[in-house]
Amino acid sequence: MKSIIPILNRKVISYIKALDSNPENARPVTFWFYSANEEKSYRLAAYLQNIGYEIVCCEFTNNSGNWLCIAERTLSPGIELLDQVCMEMSILAEHFGVEFDGWETACTPFRG
């Protein structure tokens, strides 16, 4: 796993904790992959779907000129879990010959 990913995970989790009414709540988390090769993107998507991820998108994007695959799963985004999942996603990306670009999730801001 790229050494910067755990650092970024900690920064994002700190933002979630600062902004979110309950950062431990399970929420949809998306994982983003890019590839210049359509077949590699679809093979990755099929694998991720078989292990329980929902494929939100697997299509060519004119913006990047690459194939984009977005996989989603509901998780409670704790730092240990995110580090583990990001490591797994990095390994999968290498195996399938695509690039893992990170993850996203929504925050529920404090109301008050």
PDB file of N, CA and C in Angstrom:
ATOM      1  N   MET A   1       0.854  -1.177   0.000  1.00  0.00           N
ATOM      2  CA  MET A   1       0.000   0.000   0.000  1.00  0.00           C
ATOM      3  C   MET A   1       0.894   1.232   0.000  1.00  0.00           C
ATOM      4  N   LYS A   2       0.500   2.221  -0.785  1.00  0.00           N
ATOM      5  CA  LYS A   2       1.251   3.471  -0.804  1.00  0.00           C
ATOM      6  C   LYS A   2       1.286   4.042   0.608  1.00  0.00           C
ATOM      7  N   SER A   3       2.466   4.488   1.037  1.00  0.00           N
ATOM      8  CA  SER A   3       2.620   4.943   2.419  1.00  0.00           C
ATOM      9  C   SER A   3       1.781   6.170   2.730  1.00  0.00           C
ATOM     10  N   ILE A   4       1.375   6.912   1.718  1.00  0.00           N
ATOM     11  CA  ILE A   4       0.576   8.111   1.975  1.00  0.00           C
ATOM     12  C   ILE A   4      -0.881   7.770   2.317  1.00  0.00           C
ATOM     13  N   ILE A   5      -1.371   6.617   1.901  1.00  0.00           N
ATOM     14  CA  ILE A   5      -2.780   6.280   2.130  1.00  0.00           C
ATOM     15  C   ILE A   5      -3.128   6.238   3.616  1.00  0.00           C
ATOM     16  N   PRO A   6      -2.354   5.561   4.490  1.00  0.00           N
ATOM     17  CA  PRO A   6      -2.702   5.598   5.916  1.00  0.00           C
ATOM     18  C   PRO A   6      -2.696   7.014   6.494  1.00  0.00           C
ATOM     19  N   ILE A   7      -1.781   7.851   6.022  1.00  0.00           N
ATOM     20  CA  ILE A   7      -1.741   9.244   6.494  1.00  0.00           C
ATOM     21  C   ILE A   7      -3.017   9.971   6.086  1.00  0.00           C
ATOM     22  N   LEU A   8      -3.408   9.798   4.824  1.00  0.00           N
ATOM     23  CA  LEU A   8      -4.643  10.434   4.349  1.00  0.00           C
ATOM     24  C   LEU A   8      -5.868   9.871   5.060  1.00  0.00           C
ATOM     25  N   ASN A   9      -5.884   8.554   5.309  1.00  0.00           N
ATOM     26  CA  ASN A   9      -7.000   7.952   6.047  1.00  0.00           C
ATOM     27  C   ASN A   9      -7.173   8.628   7.402  1.00  0.00           C
ATOM     28  N   ARG A  10      -6.082   8.851   8.110  1.00  0.00           N
ATOM     29  CA  ARG A  10      -6.161   9.481   9.431  1.00  0.00           C
ATOM     30  C   ARG A  10      -6.657  10.919   9.342  1.00  0.00           C
ATOM     31  N   LYS A  11      -6.235  11.643   8.325  1.00  0.00           N
ATOM     32  CA  LYS A  11      -6.716  13.019   8.149  1.00  0.00           C
ATOM     33  C   LYS A  11      -8.215  13.037   7.874  1.00  0.00           C
ATOM     34  N   VAL A  12      -8.668  12.157   6.986  1.00  0.00           N
ATOM     35  CA  VAL A  12     -10.094  12.126   6.657  1.00  0.00           C
ATOM     36  C   VAL A  12     -10.914  11.714   7.867  1.00  0.00           C
ATOM     37  N   ILE A  13     -10.467  10.703   8.598  1.00  0.00           N
ATOM     38  CA  ILE A  13     -11.190  10.271   9.798  1.00  0.00           C
ATOM     39  C   ILE A  13     -11.247  11.403  10.815  1.00  0.00           C
ATOM     40  N   SER A  14     -10.182  12.177  10.953  1.00  0.00           N
ATOM     41  CA  SER A  14     -10.227  13.307  11.893  1.00  0.00           C
ATOM     42  C   SER A  14     -11.246  14.345  11.446  1.00  0.00           C
ATOM     43  N   TYR A  15     -11.380  14.561  10.135  1.00  0.00           N
ATOM     44  CA  TYR A  15     -12.412  15.479   9.634  1.00  0.00           C
ATOM     45  C   TYR A  15     -13.805  14.928   9.906  1.00  0.00           C
ATOM     46  N   ILE A  16     -13.984  13.633   9.681  1.00  0.00           N
ATOM     47  CA  ILE A  16     -15.288  13.018   9.950  1.00  0.00           C
ATOM     48  C   ILE A  16     -15.639  13.180  11.424  1.00  0.00           C
ATOM     49  N   LYS A  17     -14.686  12.925  12.302  1.00  0.00           N
ATOM     50  CA  LYS A  17     -14.944  13.060  13.739  1.00  0.00           C
ATOM     51  C   LYS A  17     -15.270  14.494  14.115  1.00  0.00           C
ATOM     52  N   ALA A  18     -14.624  15.457  13.467  1.00  0.00           N
ATOM     53  CA  ALA A  18     -14.880  16.868  13.769  1.00  0.00           C
ATOM     54  C   ALA A  18     -16.234  17.335  13.239  1.00  0.00           C
ATOM     55  N   LEU A  19     -16.674  16.772  12.123  1.00  0.00           N
ATOM     56  CA  LEU A  19     -17.894  17.243  11.463  1.00  0.00           C
ATOM     57  C   LEU A  19     -19.123  16.390  11.735  1.00  0.00           C
ATOM     58  N   ASP A  20     -18.919  15.157  12.103  1.00  0.00           N
ATOM     59  CA  ASP A  20     -20.008  14.190  12.099  1.00  0.00           C
ATOM     60  C   ASP A  20     -20.648  14.051  13.473  1.00  0.00           C
ATOM     61  N   SER A  21     -21.960  13.890  13.475  1.00  0.00           N
ATOM     62  CA  SER A  21     -22.665  13.717  14.737  1.00  0.00           C
ATOM     63  C   SER A  21     -22.371  12.354  15.365  1.00  0.00           C
ATOM     64  N   ASN A  22     -22.061  11.356  14.561  1.00  0.00           N
ATOM     65  CA  ASN A  22     -21.689  10.049  15.085  1.00  0.00           C
ATOM     66  C   ASN A  22     -20.782   9.348  14.079  1.00  0.00           C
ATOM     67  N   PRO A  23     -19.480   9.561  14.166  1.00  0.00           N
ATOM     68  CA  PRO A  23     -18.572   9.012  13.164  1.00  0.00           C
ATOM     69  C   PRO A  23     -18.487   7.492  13.145  1.00  0.00           C
ATOM     70  N   GLU A  24     -18.985   6.825  14.178  1.00  0.00           N
ATOM     71  CA  GLU A  24     -18.927   5.364  14.210  1.00  0.00           C
ATOM     72  C   GLU A  24     -20.104   4.709  13.490  1.00  0.00           C
ATOM     73  N   ASN A  25     -21.088   5.508  13.064  1.00  0.00           N
ATOM     74  CA  ASN A  25     -22.221   4.940  12.333  1.00  0.00           C
ATOM     75  C   ASN A  25     -21.753   4.303  11.032  1.00  0.00           C
ATOM     76  N   ALA A  26     -22.353   3.155  10.721  1.00  0.00           N
ATOM     77  CA  ALA A  26     -22.086   2.534   9.426  1.00  0.00           C
ATOM     78  C   ALA A  26     -22.662   3.429   8.337  1.00  0.00           C
ATOM     79  N   ARG A  27     -21.956   3.516   7.224  1.00  0.00           N
ATOM     80  CA  ARG A  27     -22.369   4.378   6.112  1.00  0.00           C
ATOM     81  C   ARG A  27     -21.786   3.822   4.817  1.00  0.00           C
ATOM     82  N   PRO A  28     -22.376   4.180   3.675  1.00  0.00           N
ATOM     83  CA  PRO A  28     -21.793   3.744   2.404  1.00  0.00           C
ATOM     84  C   PRO A  28     -20.402   4.355   2.206  1.00  0.00           C
ATOM     85  N   VAL A  29     -19.466   3.518   1.821  1.00  0.00           N
ATOM     86  CA  VAL A  29     -18.110   3.957   1.495  1.00  0.00           C
ATOM     87  C   VAL A  29     -17.827   3.486   0.071  1.00  0.00           C
ATOM     88  N   THR A  30     -17.373   4.404  -0.780  1.00  0.00           N
ATOM     89  CA  THR A  30     -17.060   4.045  -2.161  1.00  0.00           C
ATOM     90  C   THR A  30     -15.550   3.963  -2.351  1.00  0.00           C
ATOM     91  N   PHE A  31     -15.144   3.030  -3.197  1.00  0.00           N
ATOM     92  CA  PHE A  31     -13.737   2.805  -3.525  1.00  0.00           C
ATOM     93  C   PHE A  31     -13.578   2.998  -5.027  1.00  0.00           C
ATOM     94  N   TRP A  32     -12.595   3.809  -5.416  1.00  0.00           N
ATOM     95  CA  TRP A  32     -12.447   4.275  -6.794  1.00  0.00           C
ATOM     96  C   TRP A  32     -11.224   3.655  -7.455  1.00  0.00           C
ATOM     97  N   PHE A  33     -11.424   3.169  -8.687  1.00  0.00           N
ATOM     98  CA  PHE A  33     -10.359   2.553  -9.475  1.00  0.00           C
ATOM     99  C   PHE A  33     -10.394   3.118 -10.895  1.00  0.00           C
ATOM    100  N   TYR A  34      -9.218   3.281 -11.486  1.00  0.00           N
ATOM    101  CA  TYR A  34      -9.102   3.740 -12.873  1.00  0.00           C
ATOM    102  C   TYR A  34      -8.246   2.763 -13.662  1.00  0.00           C
ATOM    103  N   SER A  35      -8.570   2.650 -14.956  1.00  0.00           N
ATOM    104  CA  SER A  35      -7.777   1.814 -15.850  1.00  0.00           C
ATOM    105  C   SER A  35      -7.927   2.310 -17.281  1.00  0.00           C
ATOM    106  N   ALA A  36      -6.875   2.156 -18.062  1.00  0.00           N
ATOM    107  CA  ALA A  36      -6.953   2.463 -19.490  1.00  0.00           C
ATOM    108  C   ALA A  36      -7.589   1.306 -20.251  1.00  0.00           C
ATOM    109  N   ASN A  37      -7.839   0.192 -19.562  1.00  0.00           N
ATOM    110  CA  ASN A  37      -8.289  -1.034 -20.207  1.00  0.00           C
ATOM    111  C   ASN A  37      -9.684  -1.431 -19.720  1.00  0.00           C
ATOM    112  N   GLU A  38     -10.628  -1.511 -20.641  1.00  0.00           N
ATOM    113  CA  GLU A  38     -12.014  -1.858 -20.303  1.00  0.00           C
ATOM    114  C   GLU A  38     -12.119  -3.240 -19.663  1.00  0.00           C
ATOM    115  N   GLU A  39     -11.461  -4.227 -20.261  1.00  0.00           N
ATOM    116  CA  GLU A  39     -11.565  -5.595 -19.762  1.00  0.00           C
ATOM    117  C   GLU A  39     -11.061  -5.712 -18.321  1.00  0.00           C
ATOM    118  N   LYS A  40      -9.965  -5.039 -18.006  1.00  0.00           N
ATOM    119  CA  LYS A  40      -9.436  -5.080 -16.638  1.00  0.00           C
ATOM    120  C   LYS A  40     -10.424  -4.468 -15.647  1.00  0.00           C
ATOM    121  N   SER A  41     -11.072  -3.388 -16.056  1.00  0.00           N
ATOM    122  CA  SER A  41     -12.065  -2.748 -15.182  1.00  0.00           C
ATOM    123  C   SER A  41     -13.239  -3.672 -14.914  1.00  0.00           C
ATOM    124  N   TYR A  42     -13.731  -4.332 -15.964  1.00  0.00           N
ATOM    125  CA  TYR A  42     -14.868  -5.232 -15.785  1.00  0.00           C
ATOM    126  C   TYR A  42     -14.493  -6.481 -14.988  1.00  0.00           C
ATOM    127  N   ARG A  43     -13.283  -6.971 -15.150  1.00  0.00           N
ATOM    128  CA  ARG A  43     -12.856  -8.124 -14.345  1.00  0.00           C
ATOM    129  C   ARG A  43     -12.781  -7.756 -12.864  1.00  0.00           C
ATOM    130  N   LEU A  44     -12.225  -6.582 -12.580  1.00  0.00           N
ATOM    131  CA  LEU A  44     -12.184  -6.108 -11.194  1.00  0.00           C
ATOM    132  C   LEU A  44     -13.598  -5.949 -10.647  1.00  0.00           C
ATOM    133  N   ALA A  45     -14.481  -5.325 -11.430  1.00  0.00           N
ATOM    134  CA  ALA A  45     -15.868  -5.109 -10.990  1.00  0.00           C
ATOM    135  C   ALA A  45     -16.550  -6.438 -10.677  1.00  0.00           C
ATOM    136  N   ALA A  46     -16.368  -7.429 -11.531  1.00  0.00           N
ATOM    137  CA  ALA A  46     -16.983  -8.742 -11.301  1.00  0.00           C
ATOM    138  C   ALA A  46     -16.454  -9.368 -10.013  1.00  0.00           C
ATOM    139  N   TYR A  47     -15.155  -9.272  -9.787  1.00  0.00           N
ATOM    140  CA  TYR A  47     -14.568  -9.824  -8.570  1.00  0.00           C
ATOM    141  C   TYR A  47     -15.122  -9.125  -7.332  1.00  0.00           C
ATOM    142  N   LEU A  48     -15.126  -7.792  -7.351  1.00  0.00           N
ATOM    143  CA  LEU A  48     -15.626  -7.041  -6.196  1.00  0.00           C
ATOM    144  C   LEU A  48     -17.094  -7.358  -5.925  1.00  0.00           C
ATOM    145  N   GLN A  49     -17.876  -7.491  -6.973  1.00  0.00           N
ATOM    146  CA  GLN A  49     -19.288  -7.832  -6.804  1.00  0.00           C
ATOM    147  C   GLN A  49     -19.425  -9.218  -6.174  1.00  0.00           C
ATOM    148  N   ASN A  50     -18.594 -10.152  -6.585  1.00  0.00           N
ATOM    149  CA  ASN A  50     -18.647 -11.512  -6.037  1.00  0.00           C
ATOM    150  C   ASN A  50     -18.276 -11.574  -4.561  1.00  0.00           C
ATOM    151  N   ILE A  51     -17.507 -10.591  -4.067  1.00  0.00           N
ATOM    152  CA  ILE A  51     -17.135 -10.610  -2.643  1.00  0.00           C
ATOM    153  C   ILE A  51     -17.971  -9.626  -1.822  1.00  0.00           C
ATOM    154  N   GLY A  52     -19.084  -9.151  -2.398  1.00  0.00           N
ATOM    155  CA  GLY A  52     -20.042  -8.397  -1.599  1.00  0.00           C
ATOM    156  C   GLY A  52     -20.100  -6.904  -1.801  1.00  0.00           C
ATOM    157  N   TYR A  53     -19.354  -6.372  -2.747  1.00  0.00           N
ATOM    158  CA  TYR A  53     -19.431  -4.940  -3.037  1.00  0.00           C
ATOM    159  C   TYR A  53     -20.496  -4.691  -4.093  1.00  0.00           C
ATOM    160  N   GLU A  54     -21.153  -3.548  -3.997  1.00  0.00           N
ATOM    161  CA  GLU A  54     -22.067  -3.112  -5.047  1.00  0.00           C
ATOM    162  C   GLU A  54     -21.253  -2.281  -6.029  1.00  0.00           C
ATOM    163  N   ILE A  55     -21.411  -2.553  -7.310  1.00  0.00           N
ATOM    164  CA  ILE A  55     -20.713  -1.771  -8.327  1.00  0.00           C
ATOM    165  C   ILE A  55     -21.613  -0.607  -8.709  1.00  0.00           C
ATOM    166  N   VAL A  56     -21.181   0.590  -8.353  1.00  0.00           N
ATOM    167  CA  VAL A  56     -21.941   1.816  -8.592  1.00  0.00           C
ATOM    168  C   VAL A  56     -21.721   2.297 -10.017  1.00  0.00           C
ATOM    169  N   CYS A  57     -20.525   2.068 -10.540  1.00  0.00           N
ATOM    170  CA  CYS A  57     -20.163   2.590 -11.855  1.00  0.00           C
ATOM    171  C   CYS A  57     -19.044   1.733 -12.425  1.00  0.00           C
ATOM    172  N   CYS A  58     -19.132   1.428 -13.693  1.00  0.00           N
ATOM    173  CA  CYS A  58     -18.027   0.809 -14.423  1.00  0.00           C
ATOM    174  C   CYS A  58     -18.175   1.281 -15.859  1.00  0.00           C
ATOM    175  N   GLU A  59     -17.543   2.402 -16.169  1.00  0.00           N
ATOM    176  CA  GLU A  59     -17.737   3.016 -17.482  1.00  0.00           C
ATOM    177  C   GLU A  59     -16.548   3.894 -17.862  1.00  0.00           C
ATOM    178  N   PHE A  60     -16.490   4.207 -19.137  1.00  0.00           N
ATOM    179  CA  PHE A  60     -15.447   5.092 -19.651  1.00  0.00           C
ATOM    180  C   PHE A  60     -15.788   6.528 -19.291  1.00  0.00           C
ATOM    181  N   THR A  61     -14.792   7.284 -18.865  1.00  0.00           N
ATOM    182  CA  THR A  61     -15.009   8.694 -18.545  1.00  0.00           C
ATOM    183  C   THR A  61     -14.181   9.555 -19.483  1.00  0.00           C
ATOM    184  N   ASN A  62     -14.852  10.492 -20.114  1.00  0.00           N
ATOM    185  CA  ASN A  62     -14.154  11.410 -21.015  1.00  0.00           C
ATOM    186  C   ASN A  62     -13.214  12.336 -20.256  1.00  0.00           C
ATOM    187  N   ASN A  63     -13.561  12.662 -19.006  1.00  0.00           N
ATOM    188  CA  ASN A  63     -12.727  13.579 -18.213  1.00  0.00           C
ATOM    189  C   ASN A  63     -11.304  13.065 -18.051  1.00  0.00           C
ATOM    190  N   SER A  64     -11.174  11.788 -17.708  1.00  0.00           N
ATOM    191  CA  SER A  64      -9.840  11.228 -17.465  1.00  0.00           C
ATOM    192  C   SER A  64      -9.316  10.437 -18.656  1.00  0.00           C
ATOM    193  N   GLY A  65     -10.210  10.052 -19.553  1.00  0.00           N
ATOM    194  CA  GLY A  65      -9.802   9.199 -20.664  1.00  0.00           C
ATOM    195  C   GLY A  65      -9.522   7.770 -20.234  1.00  0.00           C
ATOM    196  N   ASN A  66     -10.062   7.383 -19.080  1.00  0.00           N
ATOM    197  CA  ASN A  66      -9.874   6.043 -18.525  1.00  0.00           C
ATOM    198  C   ASN A  66     -11.220   5.422 -18.183  1.00  0.00           C
ATOM    199  N   TRP A  67     -11.166   4.137 -17.880  1.00  0.00           N
ATOM    200  CA  TRP A  67     -12.328   3.437 -17.348  1.00  0.00           C
ATOM    201  C   TRP A  67     -12.361   3.646 -15.841  1.00  0.00           C
ATOM    202  N   LEU A  68     -13.523   3.961 -15.333  1.00  0.00           N
ATOM    203  CA  LEU A  68     -13.730   4.204 -13.908  1.00  0.00           C
ATOM    204  C   LEU A  68     -14.585   3.083 -13.346  1.00  0.00           C
ATOM    205  N   CYS A  69     -14.138   2.500 -12.252  1.00  0.00           N
ATOM    206  CA  CYS A  69     -14.916   1.497 -11.523  1.00  0.00           C
ATOM    207  C   CYS A  69     -15.075   2.012 -10.097  1.00  0.00           C
ATOM    208  N   ILE A  70     -16.325   2.150  -9.663  1.00  0.00           N
ATOM    209  CA  ILE A  70     -16.610   2.570  -8.289  1.00  0.00           C
ATOM    210  C   ILE A  70     -17.366   1.438  -7.607  1.00  0.00           C
ATOM    211  N   ALA A  71     -16.805   0.942  -6.514  1.00  0.00           N
ATOM    212  CA  ALA A  71     -17.427  -0.123  -5.729  1.00  0.00           C
ATOM    213  C   ALA A  71     -17.839   0.453  -4.384  1.00  0.00           C
ATOM    214  N   GLU A  72     -18.972  -0.025  -3.866  1.00  0.00           N
ATOM    215  CA  GLU A  72     -19.500   0.519  -2.610  1.00  0.00           C
ATOM    216  C   GLU A  72     -19.828  -0.603  -1.643  1.00  0.00           C
ATOM    217  N   ARG A  73     -19.592  -0.316  -0.368  1.00  0.00           N
ATOM    218  CA  ARG A  73     -19.976  -1.232   0.714  1.00  0.00           C
ATOM    219  C   ARG A  73     -20.274  -0.387   1.942  1.00  0.00           C
ATOM    220  N   THR A  74     -21.225  -0.824   2.739  1.00  0.00           N
ATOM    221  CA  THR A  74     -21.543  -0.126   3.978  1.00  0.00           C
ATOM    222  C   THR A  74     -20.557  -0.573   5.049  1.00  0.00           C
ATOM    223  N   LEU A  75     -19.859   0.412   5.627  1.00  0.00           N
ATOM    224  CA  LEU A  75     -18.839   0.157   6.649  1.00  0.00           C
ATOM    225  C   LEU A  75     -18.946   1.197   7.750  1.00  0.00           C
ATOM    226  N   SER A  76     -18.418   0.873   8.898  1.00  0.00           N
ATOM    227  CA  SER A  76     -18.183   1.860   9.945  1.00  0.00           C
ATOM    228  C   SER A  76     -16.729   2.279   9.781  1.00  0.00           C
ATOM    229  N   PRO A  77     -16.480   3.494   9.275  1.00  0.00           N
ATOM    230  CA  PRO A  77     -15.125   3.834   8.827  1.00  0.00           C
ATOM    231  C   PRO A  77     -14.129   4.138   9.946  1.00  0.00           C
ATOM    232  N   GLY A  78     -13.759   3.107  10.687  1.00  0.00           N
ATOM    233  CA  GLY A  78     -12.698   3.258  11.676  1.00  0.00           C
ATOM    234  C   GLY A  78     -11.342   3.178  10.997  1.00  0.00           C
ATOM    235  N   ILE A  79     -10.333   3.723  11.620  1.00  0.00           N
ATOM    236  CA  ILE A  79      -9.023   3.827  10.985  1.00  0.00           C
ATOM    237  C   ILE A  79      -8.405   2.460  10.698  1.00  0.00           C
ATOM    238  N   GLU A  80      -8.515   1.510  11.631  1.00  0.00           N
ATOM    239  CA  GLU A  80      -7.917   0.195  11.409  1.00  0.00           C
ATOM    240  C   GLU A  80      -8.583  -0.510  10.239  1.00  0.00           C
ATOM    241  N   LEU A  81      -9.920  -0.443  10.190  1.00  0.00           N
ATOM    242  CA  LEU A  81     -10.647  -1.085   9.097  1.00  0.00           C
ATOM    243  C   LEU A  81     -10.300  -0.433   7.763  1.00  0.00           C
ATOM    244  N   LEU A  82     -10.263   0.887   7.724  1.00  0.00           N
ATOM    245  CA  LEU A  82      -9.942   1.570   6.469  1.00  0.00           C
ATOM    246  C   LEU A  82      -8.527   1.260   6.003  1.00  0.00           C
ATOM    247  N   ASP A  83      -7.583   1.223   6.911  1.00  0.00           N
ATOM    248  CA  ASP A  83      -6.215   0.859   6.523  1.00  0.00           C
ATOM    249  C   ASP A  83      -6.186  -0.549   5.928  1.00  0.00           C
ATOM    250  N   GLN A  84      -6.904  -1.483   6.573  1.00  0.00           N
ATOM    251  CA  GLN A  84      -6.945  -2.861   6.088  1.00  0.00           C
ATOM    252  C   GLN A  84      -7.602  -2.932   4.716  1.00  0.00           C
ATOM    253  N   VAL A  85      -8.758  -2.289   4.563  1.00  0.00           N
ATOM    254  CA  VAL A  85      -9.478  -2.339   3.289  1.00  0.00           C
ATOM    255  C   VAL A  85      -8.662  -1.662   2.187  1.00  0.00           C
ATOM    256  N   CYS A  86      -8.029  -0.543   2.496  1.00  0.00           N
ATOM    257  CA  CYS A  86      -7.200   0.140   1.492  1.00  0.00           C
ATOM    258  C   CYS A  86      -6.017  -0.727   1.065  1.00  0.00           C
ATOM    259  N   MET A  87      -5.435  -1.460   2.014  1.00  0.00           N
ATOM    260  CA  MET A  87      -4.352  -2.372   1.661  1.00  0.00           C
ATOM    261  C   MET A  87      -4.879  -3.461   0.725  1.00  0.00           C
ATOM    262  N   GLU A  88      -6.051  -4.019   1.063  1.00  0.00           N
ATOM    263  CA  GLU A  88      -6.648  -5.045   0.211  1.00  0.00           C
ATOM    264  C   GLU A  88      -6.965  -4.489  -1.176  1.00  0.00           C
ATOM    265  N   MET A  89      -7.489  -3.264  -1.230  1.00  0.00           N
ATOM    266  CA  MET A  89      -7.829  -2.656  -2.517  1.00  0.00           C
ATOM    267  C   MET A  89      -6.574  -2.381  -3.344  1.00  0.00           C
ATOM    268  N   SER A  90      -5.500  -1.975  -2.697  1.00  0.00           N
ATOM    269  CA  SER A  90      -4.236  -1.749  -3.405  1.00  0.00           C
ATOM    270  C   SER A  90      -3.700  -3.047  -3.998  1.00  0.00           C
ATOM    271  N   ILE A  91      -3.799  -4.127  -3.227  1.00  0.00           N
ATOM    272  CA  ILE A  91      -3.354  -5.438  -3.709  1.00  0.00           C
ATOM    273  C   ILE A  91      -4.223  -5.892  -4.872  1.00  0.00           C
ATOM    274  N   LEU A  92      -5.541  -5.730  -4.736  1.00  0.00           N
ATOM    275  CA  LEU A  92      -6.446  -6.092  -5.833  1.00  0.00           C
ATOM    276  C   LEU A  92      -6.148  -5.278  -7.083  1.00  0.00           C
ATOM    277  N   ALA A  93      -5.929  -3.987  -6.913  1.00  0.00           N
ATOM    278  CA  ALA A  93      -5.638  -3.122  -8.060  1.00  0.00           C
ATOM    279  C   ALA A  93      -4.386  -3.612  -8.783  1.00  0.00           C
ATOM    280  N   GLU A  94      -3.361  -3.941  -8.023  1.00  0.00           N
ATOM    281  CA  GLU A  94      -2.133  -4.450  -8.642  1.00  0.00           C
ATOM    282  C   GLU A  94      -2.399  -5.762  -9.364  1.00  0.00           C
ATOM    283  N   HIS A  95      -3.158  -6.646  -8.731  1.00  0.00           N
ATOM    284  CA  HIS A  95      -3.472  -7.944  -9.328  1.00  0.00           C
ATOM    285  C   HIS A  95      -4.239  -7.793 -10.643  1.00  0.00           C
ATOM    286  N   PHE A  96      -5.200  -6.871 -10.680  1.00  0.00           N
ATOM    287  CA  PHE A  96      -6.032  -6.696 -11.871  1.00  0.00           C
ATOM    288  C   PHE A  96      -5.449  -5.689 -12.866  1.00  0.00           C
ATOM    289  N   GLY A  97      -4.332  -5.069 -12.526  1.00  0.00           N
ATOM    290  CA  GLY A  97      -3.687  -4.138 -13.438  1.00  0.00           C
ATOM    291  C   GLY A  97      -4.418  -2.817 -13.592  1.00  0.00           C
ATOM    292  N   VAL A  98      -5.028  -2.350 -12.485  1.00  0.00           N
ATOM    293  CA  VAL A  98      -5.728  -1.063 -12.474  1.00  0.00           C
ATOM    294  C   VAL A  98      -5.113  -0.197 -11.376  1.00  0.00           C
ATOM    295  N   GLU A  99      -5.578   1.039 -11.274  1.00  0.00           N
ATOM    296  CA  GLU A  99      -5.058   1.945 -10.247  1.00  0.00           C
ATOM    297  C   GLU A  99      -6.129   2.211  -9.195  1.00  0.00           C
ATOM    298  N   PHE A 100      -5.800   1.970  -7.928  1.00  0.00           N
ATOM    299  CA  PHE A 100      -6.696   2.303  -6.820  1.00  0.00           C
ATOM    300  C   PHE A 100      -6.496   3.770  -6.495  1.00  0.00           C
ATOM    301  N   ASP A 101      -7.597   4.537  -6.509  1.00  0.00           N
ATOM    302  CA  ASP A 101      -7.504   5.986  -6.336  1.00  0.00           C
ATOM    303  C   ASP A 101      -8.016   6.467  -4.982  1.00  0.00           C
ATOM    304  N   GLY A 102      -8.467   5.560  -4.114  1.00  0.00           N
ATOM    305  CA  GLY A 102      -8.906   5.970  -2.788  1.00  0.00           C
ATOM    306  C   GLY A 102     -10.379   5.708  -2.541  1.00  0.00           C
ATOM    307  N   TRP A 103     -10.888   6.332  -1.485  1.00  0.00           N
ATOM    308  CA  TRP A 103     -12.262   6.083  -1.048  1.00  0.00           C
ATOM    309  C   TRP A 103     -12.932   7.396  -0.698  1.00  0.00           C
ATOM    310  N   GLU A 104     -14.267   7.330  -0.603  1.00  0.00           N
ATOM    311  CA  GLU A 104     -15.073   8.482  -0.195  1.00  0.00           C
ATOM    312  C   GLU A 104     -16.223   8.002   0.676  1.00  0.00           C
ATOM    313  N   THR A 105     -16.711   8.897   1.519  1.00  0.00           N
ATOM    314  CA  THR A 105     -17.926   8.646   2.282  1.00  0.00           C
ATOM    315  C   THR A 105     -18.562   9.978   2.632  1.00  0.00           C
ATOM    316  N   ALA A 106     -19.815   9.921   3.034  1.00  0.00           N
ATOM    317  CA  ALA A 106     -20.535  11.137   3.418  1.00  0.00           C
ATOM    318  C   ALA A 106     -20.420  11.356   4.923  1.00  0.00           C
ATOM    319  N   CYS A 107     -20.472  12.603   5.320  1.00  0.00           N
ATOM    320  CA  CYS A 107     -20.514  12.979   6.731  1.00  0.00           C
ATOM    321  C   CYS A 107     -21.910  13.494   7.053  1.00  0.00           C
ATOM    322  N   THR A 108     -22.343  13.267   8.283  1.00  0.00           N
ATOM    323  CA  THR A 108     -23.589  13.847   8.763  1.00  0.00           C
ATOM    324  C   THR A 108     -23.210  14.941   9.748  1.00  0.00           C
ATOM    325  N   PRO A 109     -23.241  16.210   9.314  1.00  0.00           N
ATOM    326  CA  PRO A 109     -22.772  17.300  10.183  1.00  0.00           C
ATOM    327  C   PRO A 109     -23.607  17.444  11.450  1.00  0.00           C
ATOM    328  N   PHE A 110     -22.959  17.983  12.477  1.00  0.00           N
ATOM    329  CA  PHE A 110     -23.671  18.324  13.701  1.00  0.00           C
ATOM    330  C   PHE A 110     -24.776  19.313  13.370  1.00  0.00           C
ATOM    331  N   ARG A 111     -25.902  19.172  14.004  1.00  0.00           N
ATOM    332  CA  ARG A 111     -27.000  20.139  13.853  1.00  0.00           C
ATOM    333  C   ARG A 111     -27.097  20.896  15.168  1.00  0.00           C
ATOM    334  N   GLY A 112     -27.171  22.181  15.099  1.00  0.00           N
ATOM    335  CA  GLY A 112     -27.258  22.849  16.377  1.00  0.00           C
ATOM    336  C   GLY A 112     -27.274  24.266  16.261  1.00  0.00           C
TER     337      GLY A 112
END
